[in-house]
All heavy atoms as atom14 arrays in JSON, in Angstrom:
{
  "sequence": "HRQAPGKQRELVATITRNLNISDSDSVKGRFTISRDNAKNTVHLQMN",
  "atom14_mask": [
    [1, 1, 1, 1, 1, 1, 1, 1, 1, 1, 0, 0, 0, 0],
    [1, 1, 1, 1, 1, 1, 1, 1, 1, 1, 1, 0, 0, 0],
    [1, 1, 1, 1, 1, 1, 1, 1, 1, 0, 0, 0, 0, 0],
    [1, 1, 1, 1, 1, 0, 0, 0, 0, 0, 0, 0, 0, 0],
    [1, 1, 1, 1, 1, 1, 1, 0, 0, 0, 0, 0, 0, 0],
    [1, 1, 1, 1, 0, 0, 0, 0, 0, 0, 0, 0, 0, 0],
    [1, 1, 1, 1, 1, 1, 1, 1, 1, 0, 0, 0, 0, 0],
    [1, 1, 1, 1, 1, 1, 1, 1, 1, 0, 0, 0, 0, 0],
    [1, 1, 1, 1, 1, 1, 1, 1, 1, 1, 1, 0, 0, 0],
    [1, 1, 1, 1, 1, 1, 1, 1, 1, 0, 0, 0, 0, 0],
    [1, 1, 1, 1, 1, 1, 1, 1, 0, 0, 0, 0, 0, 0],
    [1, 1, 1, 1, 1, 1, 1, 0, 0, 0, 0, 0, 0, 0],
    [1, 1, 1, 1, 1, 0, 0, 0, 0, 0, 0, 0, 0, 0],
    [1, 1, 1, 1, 1, 1, 1, 0, 0, 0, 0, 0, 0, 0],
    [1, 1, 1, 1, 1, 1, 1, 1, 0, 0, 0, 0, 0, 0],
    [1, 1, 1, 1, 1, 1, 1, 0, 0, 0, 0, 0, 0, 0],
    [1, 1, 1, 1, 1, 1, 1, 1, 1, 1, 1, 0, 0, 0],
    [1, 1, 1, 1, 1, 1, 1, 1, 0, 0, 0, 0, 0, 0],
    [1, 1, 1, 1, 1, 1, 1, 1, 0, 0, 0, 0, 0, 0],
    [1, 1, 1, 1, 1, 1, 1, 1, 0, 0, 0, 0, 0, 0],
    [1, 1, 1, 1, 1, 1, 1, 1, 0, 0, 0, 0, 0, 0],
    [1, 1, 1, 1, 1, 1, 0, 0, 0, 0, 0, 0, 0, 0],
    [1, 1, 1, 1, 1, 1, 1, 1, 0, 0, 0, 0, 0, 0],
    [1, 1, 1, 1, 1, 1, 0, 0, 0, 0, 0, 0, 0, 0],
    [1, 1, 1, 1, 1, 1, 1, 1, 0, 0, 0, 0, 0, 0],
    [1, 1, 1, 1, 1, 1, 0, 0, 0, 0, 0, 0, 0, 0],
    [1, 1, 1, 1, 1, 1, 1, 0, 0, 0, 0, 0, 0, 0],
    [1, 1, 1, 1, 1, 1, 1, 1, 1, 0, 0, 0, 0, 0],
    [1, 1, 1, 1, 0, 0, 0, 0, 0, 0, 0, 0, 0, 0],
    [1, 1, 1, 1, 1, 1, 1, 1, 1, 1, 1, 0, 0, 0],
    [1, 1, 1, 1, 1, 1, 1, 1, 1, 1, 1, 0, 0, 0],
    [1, 1, 1, 1, 1, 1, 1, 0, 0, 0, 0, 0, 0, 0],
    [1, 1, 1, 1, 1, 1, 1, 1, 0, 0, 0, 0, 0, 0],
    [1, 1, 1, 1, 1, 1, 0, 0, 0, 0, 0, 0, 0, 0],
    [1, 1, 1, 1, 1, 1, 1, 1, 1, 1, 1, 0, 0, 0],
    [1, 1, 1, 1, 1, 1, 1, 1, 0, 0, 0, 0, 0, 0],
    [1, 1, 1, 1, 1, 1, 1, 1, 0, 0, 0, 0, 0, 0],
    [1, 1, 1, 1, 1, 0, 0, 0, 0, 0, 0, 0, 0, 0],
    [1, 1, 1, 1, 1, 1, 1, 1, 1, 0, 0, 0, 0, 0],
    [1, 1, 1, 1, 1, 1, 1, 1, 0, 0, 0, 0, 0, 0],
    [1, 1, 1, 1, 1, 1, 1, 0, 0, 0, 0, 0, 0, 0],
    [1, 1, 1, 1, 1, 1, 1, 0, 0, 0, 0, 0, 0, 0],
    [1, 1, 1, 1, 1, 1, 1, 1, 1, 1, 0, 0, 0, 0],
    [1, 1, 1, 1, 1, 1, 1, 1, 0, 0, 0, 0, 0, 0],
    [1, 1, 1, 1, 1, 1, 1, 1, 1, 0, 0, 0, 0, 0],
    [1, 1, 1, 1, 1, 1, 1, 1, 0, 0, 0, 0, 0, 0],
    [1, 1, 1, 1, 1, 1, 1, 1, 0, 0, 0, 0, 0, 0]
  ],
  "atom14_positions": [
    [[9.63, -39.89, -75.93], [10.19, -38.83, -76.75], [11.18, -38.06, -75.87], [11.14, -38.15, -74.65], [9.1, -37.87, -77.22], [8.16, -38.46, -78.21], [7.23, -39.42, -77.88], [7.99, -38.23, -79.53], [6.53, -39.75, -78.95], [6.98, -39.04, -79.96], [0.0, 0.0, 0.0], [0.0, 0.0, 0.0], [0.0, 0.0, 0.0], [0.0, 0.0, 0.0]],
    [[12.02, -37.27, -76.5], [12.91, -36.4, -75.74], [13.09, -35.09, -76.47], [12.94, -35.01, -77.7], [14.27, -37.07, -75.51], [15.11, -37.28, -76.76], [16.38, -38.05, -76.43], [17.23, -38.24, -77.6], [18.35, -38.95, -77.61], [18.75, -39.56, -76.49], [19.05, -39.07, -78.71], [0.0, 0.0, 0.0], [0.0, 0.0, 0.0], [0.0, 0.0, 0.0]],
    [[13.37, -34.07, -75.69], [13.62, -32.76, -76.27], [14.76, -32.1, -75.52], [14.68, -31.88, -74.31], [12.38, -31.88, -76.21], [12.54, -30.57, -76.95], [11.23, -29.87, -77.2], [10.22, -30.12, -76.54], [11.2, -28.97, -78.18], [0.0, 0.0, 0.0], [0.0, 0.0, 0.0], [0.0, 0.0, 0.0], [0.0, 0.0, 0.0], [0.0, 0.0, 0.0]],
    [[15.81, -31.81, -76.27], [16.95, -31.11, -75.71], [16.76, -29.61, -75.93], [16.03, -29.2, -76.84], [18.22, -31.59, -76.41], [0.0, 0.0, 0.0], [0.0, 0.0, 0.0], [0.0, 0.0, 0.0], [0.0, 0.0, 0.0], [0.0, 0.0, 0.0], [0.0, 0.0, 0.0], [0.0, 0.0, 0.0], [0.0, 0.0, 0.0], [0.0, 0.0, 0.0]],
    [[17.42, -28.78, -75.12], [17.28, -27.33, -75.27], [17.64, -26.87, -76.68], [18.67, -27.27, -77.23], [18.27, -26.78, -74.25], [18.4, -27.85, -73.22], [18.27, -29.14, -73.98], [0.0, 0.0, 0.0], [0.0, 0.0, 0.0], [0.0, 0.0, 0.0], [0.0, 0.0, 0.0], [0.0, 0.0, 0.0], [0.0, 0.0, 0.0], [0.0, 0.0, 0.0]],
    [[16.74, -26.11, -77.28], [17.0, -25.57, -78.6], [16.8, -26.54, -79.74], [17.08, -26.21, -80.91], [0.0, 0.0, 0.0], [0.0, 0.0, 0.0], [0.0, 0.0, 0.0], [0.0, 0.0, 0.0], [0.0, 0.0, 0.0], [0.0, 0.0, 0.0], [0.0, 0.0, 0.0], [0.0, 0.0, 0.0], [0.0, 0.0, 0.0], [0.0, 0.0, 0.0]],
    [[16.33, -27.73, -79.44], [16.14, -28.75, -80.48], [14.67, -29.19, -80.52], [13.92, -29.01, -79.58], [17.04, -29.96, -80.22], [18.52, -29.66, -80.34], [19.34, -30.94, -80.26], [20.81, -30.65, -80.46], [21.62, -31.89, -80.4], [0.0, 0.0, 0.0], [0.0, 0.0, 0.0], [0.0, 0.0, 0.0], [0.0, 0.0, 0.0], [0.0, 0.0, 0.0]],
    [[14.31, -29.79, -81.64], [12.96, -30.32, -81.78], [12.8, -31.61, -80.98], [13.78, -32.32, -80.73], [12.66, -30.58, -83.27], [12.48, -29.33, -84.08], [11.95, -29.64, -85.48], [12.2, -30.71, -86.03], [11.2, -28.71, -86.06], [0.0, 0.0, 0.0], [0.0, 0.0, 0.0], [0.0, 0.0, 0.0], [0.0, 0.0, 0.0], [0.0, 0.0, 0.0]],
    [[11.56, -31.89, -80.64], [11.28, -33.13, -79.94], [11.58, -34.31, -80.85], [11.26, -34.28, -82.05], [9.82, -33.16, -79.5], [9.46, -34.35, -78.61], [8.09, -34.16, -77.99], [7.06, -34.06, -78.99], [5.85, -33.56, -78.75], [5.57, -33.1, -77.53], [4.95, -33.51, -79.71], [0.0, 0.0, 0.0], [0.0, 0.0, 0.0], [0.0, 0.0, 0.0]],
    [[12.18, -35.33, -80.28], [12.62, -36.49, -81.04], [11.98, -37.75, -80.47], [11.94, -37.95, -79.25], [14.16, -36.6, -80.94], [14.76, -37.86, -81.53], [16.21, -38.06, -81.19], [16.71, -37.4, -80.24], [16.88, -38.87, -81.84], [0.0, 0.0, 0.0], [0.0, 0.0, 0.0], [0.0, 0.0, 0.0], [0.0, 0.0, 0.0], [0.0, 0.0, 0.0]],
    [[11.5, -38.59, -81.37], [10.98, -39.88, -80.94], [12.14, -40.79, -80.58], [13.08, -40.95, -81.36], [10.15, -40.51, -82.07], [9.64, -41.93, -81.82], [8.67, -41.96, -80.66], [8.99, -42.49, -83.08], [0.0, 0.0, 0.0], [0.0, 0.0, 0.0], [0.0, 0.0, 0.0], [0.0, 0.0, 0.0], [0.0, 0.0, 0.0], [0.0, 0.0, 0.0]],
    [[12.08, -41.38, -79.39], [13.16, -42.26, -78.94], [12.81, -43.73, -79.21], [13.58, -44.46, -79.82], [13.43, -42.05, -77.44], [14.49, -43.03, -76.94], [13.87, -40.61, -77.17], [0.0, 0.0, 0.0], [0.0, 0.0, 0.0], [0.0, 0.0, 0.0], [0.0, 0.0, 0.0], [0.0, 0.0, 0.0], [0.0, 0.0, 0.0], [0.0, 0.0, 0.0]],
    [[11.66, -44.15, -78.72], [11.27, -45.55, -78.89], [9.78, -45.7, -78.64], [9.19, -44.94, -77.87], [12.05, -46.45, -77.93], [0.0, 0.0, 0.0], [0.0, 0.0, 0.0], [0.0, 0.0, 0.0], [0.0, 0.0, 0.0], [0.0, 0.0, 0.0], [0.0, 0.0, 0.0], [0.0, 0.0, 0.0], [0.0, 0.0, 0.0], [0.0, 0.0, 0.0]],
    [[9.18, -46.68, -79.31], [7.77, -46.99, -79.09], [7.6, -48.5, -78.96], [8.42, -49.28, -79.46], [6.87, -46.5, -80.24], [7.28, -47.15, -81.46], [6.95, -45.0, -80.4], [0.0, 0.0, 0.0], [0.0, 0.0, 0.0], [0.0, 0.0, 0.0], [0.0, 0.0, 0.0], [0.0, 0.0, 0.0], [0.0, 0.0, 0.0], [0.0, 0.0, 0.0]],
    [[6.51, -48.87, -78.29], [6.16, -50.28, -78.16], [4.65, -50.39, -78.27], [3.92, -49.62, -77.64], [6.69, -50.87, -76.83], [6.42, -52.37, -76.75], [6.14, -50.14, -75.62], [7.18, -53.06, -75.62], [0.0, 0.0, 0.0], [0.0, 0.0, 0.0], [0.0, 0.0, 0.0], [0.0, 0.0, 0.0], [0.0, 0.0, 0.0], [0.0, 0.0, 0.0]],
    [[4.19, -51.3, -79.11], [2.75, -51.46, -79.3], [2.2, -52.5, -78.33], [2.95, -53.2, -77.64], [2.46, -51.93, -80.74], [2.89, -53.28, -80.89], [3.16, -51.05, -81.75], [0.0, 0.0, 0.0], [0.0, 0.0, 0.0], [0.0, 0.0, 0.0], [0.0, 0.0, 0.0], [0.0, 0.0, 0.0], [0.0, 0.0, 0.0], [0.0, 0.0, 0.0]],
    [[0.89, -52.63, -78.35], [0.26, -53.62, -77.46], [0.63, -55.03, -77.9], [0.51, -55.97, -77.13], [-1.25, -53.43, -77.41], [-1.98, -53.58, -78.72], [-3.44, -53.85, -78.49], [-4.1, -52.75, -77.8], [-4.96, -51.92, -78.37], [-5.24, -52.05, -79.66], [-5.55, -50.98, -77.68], [0.0, 0.0, 0.0], [0.0, 0.0, 0.0], [0.0, 0.0, 0.0]],
    [[1.08, -55.16, -79.15], [1.53, -56.47, -79.65], [3.04, -56.64, -79.51], [3.62, -57.56, -80.09], [1.14, -56.64, -81.11], [-0.36, -56.67, -81.3], [-1.08, -57.25, -80.49], [-0.84, -56.05, -82.36], [0.0, 0.0, 0.0], [0.0, 0.0, 0.0], [0.0, 0.0, 0.0], [0.0, 0.0, 0.0], [0.0, 0.0, 0.0], [0.0, 0.0, 0.0]],
    [[3.66, -55.76, -78.73], [5.09, -55.82, -78.42], [5.98, -55.54, -79.63], [7.15, -55.95, -79.64], [5.45, -57.17, -77.79], [4.71, -57.51, -76.49], [5.2, -58.84, -75.95], [4.89, -56.42, -75.46], [0.0, 0.0, 0.0], [0.0, 0.0, 0.0], [0.0, 0.0, 0.0], [0.0, 0.0, 0.0], [0.0, 0.0, 0.0], [0.0, 0.0, 0.0]],
    [[5.44, -54.85, -80.64], [6.3, -54.41, -81.74], [7.06, -53.17, -81.27], [6.46, -52.23, -80.77], [5.47, -54.09, -82.98], [4.85, -55.34, -83.57], [5.49, -56.37, -83.67], [3.58, -55.26, -83.94], [0.0, 0.0, 0.0], [0.0, 0.0, 0.0], [0.0, 0.0, 0.0], [0.0, 0.0, 0.0], [0.0, 0.0, 0.0], [0.0, 0.0, 0.0]],
    [[8.35, -53.18, -81.47], [9.21, -52.12, -80.97], [9.86, -51.37, -82.12], [10.29, -51.97, -83.1], [10.29, -52.7, -80.03], [9.64, -53.2, -78.74], [11.36, -51.66, -79.73], [10.59, -53.93, -77.83], [0.0, 0.0, 0.0], [0.0, 0.0, 0.0], [0.0, 0.0, 0.0], [0.0, 0.0, 0.0], [0.0, 0.0, 0.0], [0.0, 0.0, 0.0]],
    [[9.91, -50.07, -81.96], [10.62, -49.22, -82.92], [11.46, -48.25, -82.12], [11.01, -47.71, -81.11], [9.61, -48.46, -83.78], [10.26, -47.56, -84.63], [0.0, 0.0, 0.0], [0.0, 0.0, 0.0], [0.0, 0.0, 0.0], [0.0, 0.0, 0.0], [0.0, 0.0, 0.0], [0.0, 0.0, 0.0], [0.0, 0.0, 0.0], [0.0, 0.0, 0.0]],
    [[12.72, -48.05, -82.53], [13.54, -47.07, -81.82], [14.39, -46.27, -82.79], [14.63, -46.67, -83.92], [14.39, -47.71, -80.73], [15.18, -48.91, -81.22], [15.41, -49.0, -82.43], [15.56, -49.75, -80.38], [0.0, 0.0, 0.0], [0.0, 0.0, 0.0], [0.0, 0.0, 0.0], [0.0, 0.0, 0.0], [0.0, 0.0, 0.0], [0.0, 0.0, 0.0]],
    [[14.82, -45.13, -82.3], [15.61, -44.2, -83.12], [17.0, -44.75, -83.35], [17.57, -45.43, -82.5], [15.68, -42.85, -82.38], [16.68, -42.04, -82.91], [0.0, 0.0, 0.0], [0.0, 0.0, 0.0], [0.0, 0.0, 0.0], [0.0, 0.0, 0.0], [0.0, 0.0, 0.0], [0.0, 0.0, 0.0], [0.0, 0.0, 0.0], [0.0, 0.0, 0.0]],
    [[17.56, -44.42, -84.5], [18.94, -44.85, -84.81], [19.93, -44.32, -83.78], [20.94, -44.96, -83.49], [19.34, -44.37, -86.2], [18.66, -45.16, -87.3], [18.14, -46.26, -87.02], [18.64, -44.66, -88.44], [0.0, 0.0, 0.0], [0.0, 0.0, 0.0], [0.0, 0.0, 0.0], [0.0, 0.0, 0.0], [0.0, 0.0, 0.0], [0.0, 0.0, 0.0]],
    [[19.6, -43.17, -83.2], [20.55, -42.54, -82.27], [20.65, -43.3, -80.95], [21.61, -43.1, -80.2], [20.14, -41.09, -82.0], [18.86, -41.04, -81.39], [0.0, 0.0, 0.0], [0.0, 0.0, 0.0], [0.0, 0.0, 0.0], [0.0, 0.0, 0.0], [0.0, 0.0, 0.0], [0.0, 0.0, 0.0], [0.0, 0.0, 0.0], [0.0, 0.0, 0.0]],
    [[19.68, -44.17, -80.66], [19.72, -44.9, -79.4], [19.76, -46.41, -79.6], [19.86, -47.16, -78.63], [18.5, -44.55, -78.51], [18.4, -43.05, -78.31], [17.2, -45.11, -79.1], [0.0, 0.0, 0.0], [0.0, 0.0, 0.0], [0.0, 0.0, 0.0], [0.0, 0.0, 0.0], [0.0, 0.0, 0.0], [0.0, 0.0, 0.0], [0.0, 0.0, 0.0]],
    [[19.73, -46.82, -80.86], [19.69, -48.26, -81.15], [20.9, -48.96, -80.54], [22.04, -48.51, -80.67], [19.64, -48.47, -82.67], [19.07, -49.81, -83.08], [18.9, -49.86, -84.58], [17.82, -48.91, -85.08], [16.47, -49.36, -84.73], [0.0, 0.0, 0.0], [0.0, 0.0, 0.0], [0.0, 0.0, 0.0], [0.0, 0.0, 0.0], [0.0, 0.0, 0.0]],
    [[20.64, -50.05, -79.87], [21.71, -50.82, -79.23], [22.07, -50.33, -77.84], [22.83, -50.99, -77.12], [0.0, 0.0, 0.0], [0.0, 0.0, 0.0], [0.0, 0.0, 0.0], [0.0, 0.0, 0.0], [0.0, 0.0, 0.0], [0.0, 0.0, 0.0], [0.0, 0.0, 0.0], [0.0, 0.0, 0.0], [0.0, 0.0, 0.0], [0.0, 0.0, 0.0]],
    [[21.56, -49.17, -77.45], [21.86, -48.62, -76.12], [20.61, -48.53, -75.24], [20.7, -48.74, -74.03], [22.49, -47.23, -76.25], [23.78, -47.21, -77.03], [24.44, -45.83, -76.97], [23.62, -44.78, -77.57], [23.2, -43.7, -76.93], [23.52, -43.51, -75.66], [22.46, -42.78, -77.55], [0.0, 0.0, 0.0], [0.0, 0.0, 0.0], [0.0, 0.0, 0.0]],
    [[19.5, -48.19, -75.84], [18.25, -48.03, -75.1], [17.31, -49.19, -75.41], [17.25, -49.66, -76.56], [17.53, -46.73, -75.48], [18.23, -45.47, -75.06], [19.51, -45.46, -74.55], [17.56, -44.25, -75.19], [20.13, -44.28, -74.16], [18.16, -43.06, -74.81], [19.45, -43.08, -74.31], [0.0, 0.0, 0.0], [0.0, 0.0, 0.0], [0.0, 0.0, 0.0]],
    [[16.55, -49.61, -74.41], [15.58, -50.69, -74.58], [14.26, -50.3, -73.96], [14.21, -49.94, -72.77], [16.08, -51.99, -73.94], [17.35, -52.35, -74.5], [15.09, -53.12, -74.2], [0.0, 0.0, 0.0], [0.0, 0.0, 0.0], [0.0, 0.0, 0.0], [0.0, 0.0, 0.0], [0.0, 0.0, 0.0], [0.0, 0.0, 0.0], [0.0, 0.0, 0.0]],
    [[13.21, -50.36, -74.75], [11.87, -50.09, -74.22], [11.19, -51.41, -73.9], [11.37, -52.4, -74.62], [11.03, -49.26, -75.23], [9.73, -48.78, -74.58], [10.77, -50.04, -76.52], [8.96, -47.76, -75.44], [0.0, 0.0, 0.0], [0.0, 0.0, 0.0], [0.0, 0.0, 0.0], [0.0, 0.0, 0.0], [0.0, 0.0, 0.0], [0.0, 0.0, 0.0]],
    [[10.44, -51.41, -72.82], [9.71, -52.63, -72.43], [8.44, -52.22, -71.7], [8.27, -51.04, -71.35], [10.58, -53.51, -71.53], [10.9, -52.84, -70.32], [0.0, 0.0, 0.0], [0.0, 0.0, 0.0], [0.0, 0.0, 0.0], [0.0, 0.0, 0.0], [0.0, 0.0, 0.0], [0.0, 0.0, 0.0], [0.0, 0.0, 0.0], [0.0, 0.0, 0.0]],
    [[7.57, -53.2, -71.48], [6.32, -52.89, -70.81], [6.0, -53.98, -69.8], [6.33, -55.15, -70.0], [5.17, -52.72, -71.81], [4.97, -53.9, -72.74], [4.01, -53.54, -73.85], [2.65, -53.4, -73.37], [1.71, -52.71, -73.99], [2.0, -52.06, -75.1], [0.49, -52.65, -73.5], [0.0, 0.0, 0.0], [0.0, 0.0, 0.0], [0.0, 0.0, 0.0]],
    [[5.37, -53.57, -68.72], [4.92, -54.5, -67.68], [3.41, -54.29, -67.56], [2.95, -53.37, -66.88], [5.64, -54.19, -66.36], [5.29, -55.18, -65.26], [4.23, -55.84, -65.35], [6.06, -55.28, -64.3], [0.0, 0.0, 0.0], [0.0, 0.0, 0.0], [0.0, 0.0, 0.0], [0.0, 0.0, 0.0], [0.0, 0.0, 0.0], [0.0, 0.0, 0.0]],
    [[2.66, -55.16, -68.22], [1.21, -54.99, -68.24], [0.6, -55.1, -66.84], [-0.37, -54.41, -66.52], [0.57, -56.02, -69.17], [0.87, -55.75, -70.63], [1.34, -54.67, -71.0], [0.63, -56.74, -71.48], [0.0, 0.0, 0.0], [0.0, 0.0, 0.0], [0.0, 0.0, 0.0], [0.0, 0.0, 0.0], [0.0, 0.0, 0.0], [0.0, 0.0, 0.0]],
    [[1.17, -55.95, -66.01], [0.61, -56.15, -64.67], [0.72, -54.89, -63.82], [-0.13, -54.63, -62.96], [1.33, -57.3, -63.98], [0.0, 0.0, 0.0], [0.0, 0.0, 0.0], [0.0, 0.0, 0.0], [0.0, 0.0, 0.0], [0.0, 0.0, 0.0], [0.0, 0.0, 0.0], [0.0, 0.0, 0.0], [0.0, 0.0, 0.0], [0.0, 0.0, 0.0]],
    [[1.76, -54.08, -64.09], [1.97, -52.85, -63.32], [1.59, -51.6, -64.1], [1.82, -50.49, -63.63], [3.43, -52.78, -62.86], [3.82, -53.89, -61.91], [5.25, -53.73, -61.42], [5.61, -54.84, -60.44], [7.0, -54.71, -59.95], [0.0, 0.0, 0.0], [0.0, 0.0, 0.0], [0.0, 0.0, 0.0], [0.0, 0.0, 0.0], [0.0, 0.0, 0.0]],
    [[1.03, -51.8, -65.3], [0.64, -50.65, -66.15], [1.78, -49.66, -66.31], [1.6, -48.44, -66.19], [-0.59, -49.95, -65.57], [-1.81, -50.84, -65.6], [-2.0, -51.61, -66.54], [-2.62, -50.78, -64.56], [0.0, 0.0, 0.0], [0.0, 0.0, 0.0], [0.0, 0.0, 0.0], [0.0, 0.0, 0.0], [0.0, 0.0, 0.0], [0.0, 0.0, 0.0]],
    [[2.94, -50.19, -66.59], [4.15, -49.38, -66.65], [4.96, -49.7, -67.9], [5.05, -50.86, -68.31], [5.01, -49.61, -65.4], [4.25, -49.29, -64.25], [6.25, -48.72, -65.41], [0.0, 0.0, 0.0], [0.0, 0.0, 0.0], [0.0, 0.0, 0.0], [0.0, 0.0, 0.0], [0.0, 0.0, 0.0], [0.0, 0.0, 0.0], [0.0, 0.0, 0.0]],
    [[5.51, -48.67, -68.48], [6.45, -48.8, -69.6], [7.81, -48.29, -69.13], [7.88, -47.25, -68.47], [5.97, -48.01, -70.83], [7.01, -48.06, -71.94], [4.64, -48.57, -71.34], [0.0, 0.0, 0.0], [0.0, 0.0, 0.0], [0.0, 0.0, 0.0], [0.0, 0.0, 0.0], [0.0, 0.0, 0.0], [0.0, 0.0, 0.0], [0.0, 0.0, 0.0]],
    [[8.84, -49.03, -69.46], [10.18, -48.68, -69.03], [11.06, -48.31, -70.22], [10.84, -48.78, -71.35], [10.83, -49.85, -68.3], [10.07, -50.33, -67.11], [9.98, -49.6, -65.94], [9.34, -51.46, -66.9], [9.24, -50.27, -65.07], [8.84, -51.4, -65.62], [0.0, 0.0, 0.0], [0.0, 0.0, 0.0], [0.0, 0.0, 0.0], [0.0, 0.0, 0.0]],
    [[12.06, -47.49, -69.96], [13.11, -47.21, -70.94], [14.44, -47.39, -70.23], [14.82, -46.58, -69.39], [12.98, -45.79, -71.49], [13.98, -45.44, -72.59], [13.66, -46.24, -73.86], [13.97, -43.94, -72.91], [0.0, 0.0, 0.0], [0.0, 0.0, 0.0], [0.0, 0.0, 0.0], [0.0, 0.0, 0.0], [0.0, 0.0, 0.0], [0.0, 0.0, 0.0]],
    [[15.1, -48.49, -70.54], [16.44, -48.75, -69.98], [17.46, -48.07, -70.88], [17.53, -48.37, -72.08], [16.7, -50.25, -69.91], [18.08, -50.61, -69.39], [18.27, -50.22, -67.93], [17.39, -50.43, -67.1], [19.44, -49.66, -67.62], [0.0, 0.0, 0.0], [0.0, 0.0, 0.0], [0.0, 0.0, 0.0], [0.0, 0.0, 0.0], [0.0, 0.0, 0.0]],
    [[18.23, -47.18, -70.29], [19.2, -46.41, -71.07], [20.61, -46.76, -70.59], [20.96, -46.5, -69.44], [18.93, -44.91, -70.9], [17.51, -44.51, -71.25], [17.24, -42.73, -71.2], [17.47, -42.41, -69.47], [0.0, 0.0, 0.0], [0.0, 0.0, 0.0], [0.0, 0.0, 0.0], [0.0, 0.0, 0.0], [0.0, 0.0, 0.0], [0.0, 0.0, 0.0]],
    [[21.38, -47.36, -71.46], [22.76, -47.73, -71.16], [23.73, -46.94, -72.03], [23.34, -46.37, -73.05], [22.95, -49.23, -71.38], [22.07, -50.09, -70.49], [21.75, -49.72, -69.36], [21.66, -51.25, -71.01], [0.0, 0.0, 0.0], [0.0, 0.0, 0.0], [0.0, 0.0, 0.0], [0.0, 0.0, 0.0], [0.0, 0.0, 0.0], [0.0, 0.0, 0.0]]
  ]
}
């Protein structure tokens, strides 16, 4: 999620344990969410 000053918190992207991904229209095509189960880490690549 993200929150800019003076604005409401916004959902950016989610990923389920089954690798289903959902992302906001505002970041679609630019941001990519992924997960590394071996490292217990979730990433957000922002281009």
